[in-house]
Amino acid sequence: KYTKFSICYYRVNSLDQKTSIYSRSENVAIPSGEENKTATLSYDYRIMPLENTSSTGTYYCKVKWNDIQKMGKGVFVLIRDTGYINTSYGWEILLTLTVLLAVLSITATALLLWKRK
């Protein structure tokens, strides 16, 4: 009963649209003496190449028997364009704040000294 099954790989994008990537049917022969035992089989599938940013999404694997369906938890893949630079403004903000505080400090000191005379 469980020797015939199908494997399906698909992607779900940010709009919750499902795109089938690959599917195949399997018919696994059970060796003599191995009946009524649990078996684990690995099936790897490499998705190559990821063409553009529309390939971004969560990738799933689903296995279907006659009356049972099992699905993986999914793997999220983010595709970025060539030349993408991850922008971080942390240092720029810190430098701007330091310069601003220094200018205000010098100005306040100059005003105090000028008012004193």
N, C-alpha and C. Protein backbone atom coordinates (compact mmCIF):
# COMPACT_ATOMS: atom_id res chain seq x y z
N LYS A 1 0.82 -1.21 0.00
CA LYS A 1 0.00 0.00 0.00
C LYS A 1 0.86 1.27 0.00
N TYR A 2 1.98 1.27 0.73
CA TYR A 2 2.79 2.47 0.86
C TYR A 2 4.03 2.46 -0.03
N THR A 3 4.10 1.54 -0.96
CA THR A 3 5.28 1.47 -1.82
C THR A 3 5.15 2.40 -3.02
N LYS A 4 3.96 2.83 -3.34
CA LYS A 4 3.74 3.77 -4.44
C LYS A 4 3.37 5.13 -3.85
N PHE A 5 4.15 6.13 -4.21
CA PHE A 5 3.90 7.48 -3.71
C PHE A 5 4.45 8.50 -4.69
N SER A 6 4.06 9.75 -4.50
CA SER A 6 4.57 10.84 -5.36
C SER A 6 5.22 11.89 -4.49
N ILE A 7 6.26 12.51 -5.03
CA ILE A 7 7.00 13.58 -4.35
C ILE A 7 6.82 14.84 -5.18
N CYS A 8 6.49 15.92 -4.50
CA CYS A 8 6.25 17.19 -5.19
C CYS A 8 7.00 18.31 -4.47
N TYR A 9 7.74 19.11 -5.22
CA TYR A 9 8.42 20.30 -4.69
C TYR A 9 7.71 21.52 -5.26
N TYR A 10 7.44 22.49 -4.41
CA TYR A 10 6.79 23.71 -4.89
C TYR A 10 7.19 24.91 -4.05
N ARG A 11 6.90 26.10 -4.58
CA ARG A 11 7.24 27.37 -3.92
C ARG A 11 5.96 28.15 -3.68
N VAL A 12 5.88 28.82 -2.53
CA VAL A 12 4.78 29.73 -2.23
C VAL A 12 5.37 31.12 -2.08
N ASN A 13 4.91 32.07 -2.91
CA ASN A 13 5.48 33.42 -2.86
C ASN A 13 4.75 34.29 -1.84
N SER A 14 5.12 35.57 -1.79
CA SER A 14 4.56 36.49 -0.79
C SER A 14 3.08 36.75 -0.99
N LEU A 15 2.56 36.48 -2.19
CA LEU A 15 1.13 36.66 -2.47
C LEU A 15 0.36 35.37 -2.23
N ASP A 16 1.03 34.39 -1.61
CA ASP A 16 0.44 33.08 -1.29
C ASP A 16 0.08 32.28 -2.55
N GLN A 17 0.83 32.53 -3.63
CA GLN A 17 0.63 31.79 -4.87
C GLN A 17 1.58 30.60 -4.90
N LYS A 18 1.03 29.44 -5.24
CA LYS A 18 1.81 28.20 -5.27
C LYS A 18 2.31 27.94 -6.68
N THR A 19 3.63 27.65 -6.81
CA THR A 19 4.24 27.33 -8.10
C THR A 19 4.90 25.97 -7.99
N SER A 20 4.46 25.03 -8.82
CA SER A 20 5.06 23.70 -8.81
C SER A 20 6.44 23.76 -9.45
N ILE A 21 7.43 23.11 -8.84
CA ILE A 21 8.79 23.13 -9.35
C ILE A 21 9.16 21.78 -9.96
N TYR A 22 8.81 20.72 -9.26
CA TYR A 22 9.22 19.40 -9.71
C TYR A 22 8.34 18.35 -9.03
N SER A 23 7.98 17.32 -9.75
CA SER A 23 7.26 16.21 -9.13
C SER A 23 7.63 14.91 -9.82
N ARG A 24 7.55 13.84 -9.07
CA ARG A 24 7.85 12.52 -9.62
C ARG A 24 7.12 11.46 -8.82
N SER A 25 6.90 10.33 -9.47
CA SER A 25 6.26 9.19 -8.81
C SER A 25 7.31 8.14 -8.50
N GLU A 26 7.11 7.47 -7.38
CA GLU A 26 8.04 6.43 -6.95
C GLU A 26 7.28 5.12 -6.72
N ASN A 27 7.95 4.03 -7.01
CA ASN A 27 7.43 2.71 -6.70
C ASN A 27 8.59 1.93 -6.10
N VAL A 28 8.63 1.84 -4.79
CA VAL A 28 9.75 1.24 -4.07
C VAL A 28 9.46 -0.23 -3.79
N ALA A 29 10.37 -1.08 -4.21
CA ALA A 29 10.22 -2.51 -3.94
C ALA A 29 10.68 -2.81 -2.51
N ILE A 30 9.92 -3.65 -1.82
CA ILE A 30 10.28 -4.02 -0.45
C ILE A 30 11.01 -5.37 -0.50
N PRO A 31 12.25 -5.38 0.02
CA PRO A 31 13.01 -6.64 0.02
C PRO A 31 12.33 -7.69 0.90
N SER A 32 12.52 -8.93 0.57
CA SER A 32 11.94 -10.04 1.32
C SER A 32 12.43 -9.98 2.78
N GLY A 33 11.52 -10.14 3.71
CA GLY A 33 11.86 -10.10 5.13
C GLY A 33 11.79 -8.71 5.74
N GLU A 34 11.58 -7.67 4.92
CA GLU A 34 11.52 -6.29 5.41
C GLU A 34 10.08 -5.76 5.48
N GLU A 35 9.11 -6.61 5.23
CA GLU A 35 7.71 -6.18 5.29
C GLU A 35 7.35 -5.77 6.72
N ASN A 36 6.41 -4.86 6.84
CA ASN A 36 5.89 -4.37 8.12
C ASN A 36 6.96 -3.73 8.99
N LYS A 37 7.97 -3.14 8.37
CA LYS A 37 9.01 -2.40 9.10
C LYS A 37 9.02 -0.96 8.58
N THR A 38 9.36 -0.05 9.46
CA THR A 38 9.45 1.35 9.06
C THR A 38 10.73 1.56 8.28
N ALA A 39 10.61 2.27 7.18
CA ALA A 39 11.78 2.57 6.35
C ALA A 39 11.84 4.07 6.11
N THR A 40 13.03 4.61 6.04
CA THR A 40 13.22 6.02 5.75
C THR A 40 14.07 6.12 4.49
N LEU A 41 13.57 6.89 3.53
CA LEU A 41 14.29 7.11 2.28
C LEU A 41 14.52 8.60 2.11
N SER A 42 15.71 8.97 1.66
CA SER A 42 16.02 10.39 1.42
C SER A 42 15.94 10.69 -0.06
N TYR A 43 15.34 11.84 -0.38
CA TYR A 43 15.26 12.30 -1.75
C TYR A 43 15.68 13.76 -1.75
N ASP A 44 16.80 14.04 -2.37
CA ASP A 44 17.29 15.42 -2.47
C ASP A 44 16.98 15.97 -3.85
N TYR A 45 16.64 17.23 -3.87
CA TYR A 45 16.42 17.90 -5.14
C TYR A 45 17.04 19.29 -5.05
N ARG A 46 17.91 19.61 -5.97
CA ARG A 46 18.59 20.91 -5.97
C ARG A 46 17.91 21.81 -6.99
N ILE A 47 17.48 22.97 -6.55
CA ILE A 47 16.81 23.93 -7.42
C ILE A 47 17.86 24.88 -7.96
N MET A 48 18.17 24.75 -9.23
CA MET A 48 19.21 25.58 -9.85
C MET A 48 18.78 25.97 -11.24
N PRO A 49 19.13 27.09 -11.74
CA PRO A 49 19.54 28.27 -10.97
C PRO A 49 18.31 29.06 -10.55
N LEU A 50 18.48 29.91 -9.56
CA LEU A 50 17.41 30.80 -9.15
C LEU A 50 17.58 32.07 -9.97
N GLU A 51 16.73 32.24 -10.97
CA GLU A 51 16.93 33.27 -11.99
C GLU A 51 16.85 34.71 -11.49
N ASN A 52 15.79 35.05 -10.79
CA ASN A 52 15.59 36.46 -10.43
C ASN A 52 14.84 36.56 -9.10
N THR A 53 14.53 37.79 -8.71
CA THR A 53 13.91 38.01 -7.40
C THR A 53 12.53 37.39 -7.29
N SER A 54 11.90 37.04 -8.40
CA SER A 54 10.59 36.39 -8.31
C SER A 54 10.70 34.96 -7.81
N SER A 55 11.93 34.44 -7.69
CA SER A 55 12.14 33.10 -7.12
C SER A 55 12.11 33.13 -5.60
N THR A 56 11.99 34.32 -5.01
CA THR A 56 11.90 34.44 -3.56
C THR A 56 10.60 33.80 -3.08
N GLY A 57 10.69 33.06 -1.99
CA GLY A 57 9.50 32.44 -1.42
C GLY A 57 9.87 31.31 -0.48
N THR A 58 8.87 30.62 0.01
CA THR A 58 9.08 29.46 0.87
C THR A 58 8.94 28.21 0.03
N TYR A 59 9.95 27.35 0.08
CA TYR A 59 10.00 26.13 -0.71
C TYR A 59 9.58 24.94 0.15
N TYR A 60 8.71 24.11 -0.40
CA TYR A 60 8.16 22.97 0.33
C TYR A 60 8.36 21.67 -0.45
N CYS A 61 8.34 20.59 0.30
CA CYS A 61 8.33 19.25 -0.26
C CYS A 61 7.10 18.54 0.29
N LYS A 62 6.37 17.86 -0.60
CA LYS A 62 5.16 17.16 -0.17
C LYS A 62 5.21 15.73 -0.72
N VAL A 63 4.84 14.77 0.10
CA VAL A 63 4.78 13.36 -0.31
C VAL A 63 3.35 12.88 -0.15
N LYS A 64 2.83 12.22 -1.20
CA LYS A 64 1.44 11.75 -1.17
C LYS A 64 1.39 10.25 -1.44
N TRP A 65 0.69 9.54 -0.54
CA TRP A 65 0.32 8.16 -0.76
C TRP A 65 -1.14 8.19 -1.18
N ASN A 66 -1.78 7.04 -1.27
CA ASN A 66 -3.20 7.01 -1.67
C ASN A 66 -4.07 7.85 -0.76
N ASP A 67 -3.96 7.64 0.54
CA ASP A 67 -4.85 8.30 1.49
C ASP A 67 -4.14 9.21 2.48
N ILE A 68 -2.83 9.34 2.35
CA ILE A 68 -2.05 10.14 3.30
C ILE A 68 -1.22 11.18 2.54
N GLN A 69 -1.06 12.33 3.16
CA GLN A 69 -0.23 13.39 2.58
C GLN A 69 0.63 13.98 3.70
N LYS A 70 1.94 14.07 3.48
CA LYS A 70 2.86 14.66 4.45
C LYS A 70 3.60 15.80 3.77
N MET A 71 3.77 16.91 4.53
CA MET A 71 4.41 18.09 3.97
C MET A 71 5.51 18.57 4.91
N GLY A 72 6.61 19.04 4.32
CA GLY A 72 7.70 19.60 5.12
C GLY A 72 7.34 20.96 5.68
N LYS A 73 8.19 21.48 6.57
CA LYS A 73 7.93 22.77 7.21
C LYS A 73 8.25 23.94 6.30
N GLY A 74 9.04 23.70 5.26
CA GLY A 74 9.37 24.76 4.31
C GLY A 74 10.66 25.47 4.66
N VAL A 75 11.30 25.98 3.62
CA VAL A 75 12.54 26.75 3.77
C VAL A 75 12.36 28.06 3.02
N PHE A 76 12.53 29.19 3.72
CA PHE A 76 12.40 30.50 3.06
C PHE A 76 13.70 30.85 2.37
N VAL A 77 13.60 31.25 1.09
CA VAL A 77 14.76 31.65 0.30
C VAL A 77 14.52 33.06 -0.20
N LEU A 78 15.47 33.98 0.10
CA LEU A 78 15.39 35.37 -0.36
C LEU A 78 16.40 35.58 -1.47
N ILE A 79 15.92 35.98 -2.64
CA ILE A 79 16.78 36.23 -3.80
C ILE A 79 16.92 37.74 -3.97
N ARG A 80 18.16 38.21 -4.12
CA ARG A 80 18.42 39.63 -4.32
C ARG A 80 19.07 39.83 -5.68
N ASP A 81 18.88 41.02 -6.25
CA ASP A 81 19.49 41.34 -7.54
C ASP A 81 21.00 41.40 -7.42
N THR A 82 21.69 41.23 -8.54
CA THR A 82 23.14 41.36 -8.58
C THR A 82 23.51 42.79 -8.21
N GLY A 83 24.52 42.94 -7.42
CA GLY A 83 24.97 44.27 -7.03
C GLY A 83 24.22 44.82 -5.83
N TYR A 84 23.41 44.03 -5.19
CA TYR A 84 22.67 44.48 -4.01
C TYR A 84 23.65 44.79 -2.89
N ILE A 85 23.48 45.94 -2.27
CA ILE A 85 24.31 46.33 -1.14
C ILE A 85 23.41 46.50 0.07
N ASN A 86 23.71 45.76 1.11
CA ASN A 86 22.93 45.84 2.34
C ASN A 86 23.25 47.17 3.02
N THR A 87 22.28 48.07 3.09
CA THR A 87 22.53 49.40 3.63
C THR A 87 22.34 49.41 5.14
N SER A 88 23.35 49.93 5.83
CA SER A 88 23.28 50.10 7.28
C SER A 88 23.74 51.52 7.59
N TYR A 89 22.89 52.28 8.23
CA TYR A 89 23.19 53.68 8.51
C TYR A 89 23.65 53.90 9.94
N GLY A 90 24.01 52.87 10.66
CA GLY A 90 24.40 52.99 12.06
C GLY A 90 25.57 53.92 12.28
N TRP A 91 26.66 53.72 11.52
CA TRP A 91 27.86 54.55 11.70
C TRP A 91 27.60 55.99 11.28
N GLU A 92 26.85 56.19 10.21
CA GLU A 92 26.57 57.55 9.75
C GLU A 92 25.77 58.33 10.79
N ILE A 93 24.80 57.69 11.41
CA ILE A 93 23.98 58.35 12.43
C ILE A 93 24.83 58.69 13.66
N LEU A 94 25.68 57.76 14.07
CA LEU A 94 26.55 57.99 15.22
C LEU A 94 27.52 59.14 14.97
N LEU A 95 28.10 59.18 13.79
CA LEU A 95 29.04 60.25 13.44
C LEU A 95 28.33 61.60 13.40
N THR A 96 27.15 61.66 12.80
CA THR A 96 26.38 62.90 12.72
C THR A 96 26.02 63.41 14.11
N LEU A 97 25.59 62.50 14.98
CA LEU A 97 25.24 62.88 16.35
C LEU A 97 26.45 63.41 17.11
N THR A 98 27.60 62.76 16.95
CA THR A 98 28.84 63.19 17.62
C THR A 98 29.26 64.58 17.15
N VAL A 99 29.22 64.82 15.84
CA VAL A 99 29.59 66.14 15.30
C VAL A 99 28.62 67.20 15.79
N LEU A 100 27.33 66.90 15.80
CA LEU A 100 26.33 67.86 16.26
C LEU A 100 26.54 68.23 17.73
N LEU A 101 26.80 67.22 18.57
CA LEU A 101 27.05 67.50 19.99
C LEU A 101 28.33 68.29 20.19
N ALA A 102 29.35 68.00 19.40
CA ALA A 102 30.61 68.75 19.50
C ALA A 102 30.41 70.22 19.13
N VAL A 103 29.66 70.47 18.04
CA VAL A 103 29.40 71.86 17.61
C VAL A 103 28.58 72.59 18.67
N LEU A 104 27.57 71.95 19.22
CA LEU A 104 26.76 72.59 20.27
C LEU A 104 27.59 72.86 21.53
N SER A 105 28.47 71.95 21.88
CA SER A 105 29.32 72.14 23.05
C SER A 105 30.27 73.31 22.85
N ILE A 106 30.90 73.40 21.69
CA ILE A 106 31.83 74.51 21.41
C ILE A 106 31.07 75.83 21.39
N THR A 107 29.88 75.85 20.80
CA THR A 107 29.08 77.07 20.74
C THR A 107 28.67 77.52 22.15
N ALA A 108 28.24 76.58 22.98
CA ALA A 108 27.82 76.92 24.35
C ALA A 108 29.00 77.45 25.15
N THR A 109 30.17 76.83 24.99
CA THR A 109 31.37 77.29 25.70
C THR A 109 31.74 78.70 25.25
N ALA A 110 31.69 78.94 23.94
CA ALA A 110 32.03 80.28 23.40
C ALA A 110 31.05 81.32 23.92
N LEU A 111 29.76 81.00 23.98
CA LEU A 111 28.76 81.95 24.49
C LEU A 111 28.98 82.26 25.97
N LEU A 112 29.33 81.23 26.76
CA LEU A 112 29.58 81.45 28.18
C LEU A 112 30.80 82.34 28.40
N LEU A 113 31.85 82.09 27.62
CA LEU A 113 33.06 82.91 27.75
C LEU A 113 32.81 84.33 27.28
N TRP A 114 32.02 84.54 26.22
CA TRP A 114 31.72 85.86 25.69
C TRP A 114 30.86 86.65 26.65
N LYS A 115 29.88 85.97 27.29
CA LYS A 115 28.98 86.62 28.23
C LYS A 115 29.73 87.01 29.51
N ARG A 116 30.75 86.28 29.85
CA ARG A 116 31.55 86.52 31.05
C ARG A 116 32.35 87.82 30.94
N LYS A 117 32.77 88.15 29.75
CA LYS A 117 33.57 89.37 29.54
C LYS A 117 32.64 90.53 29.56
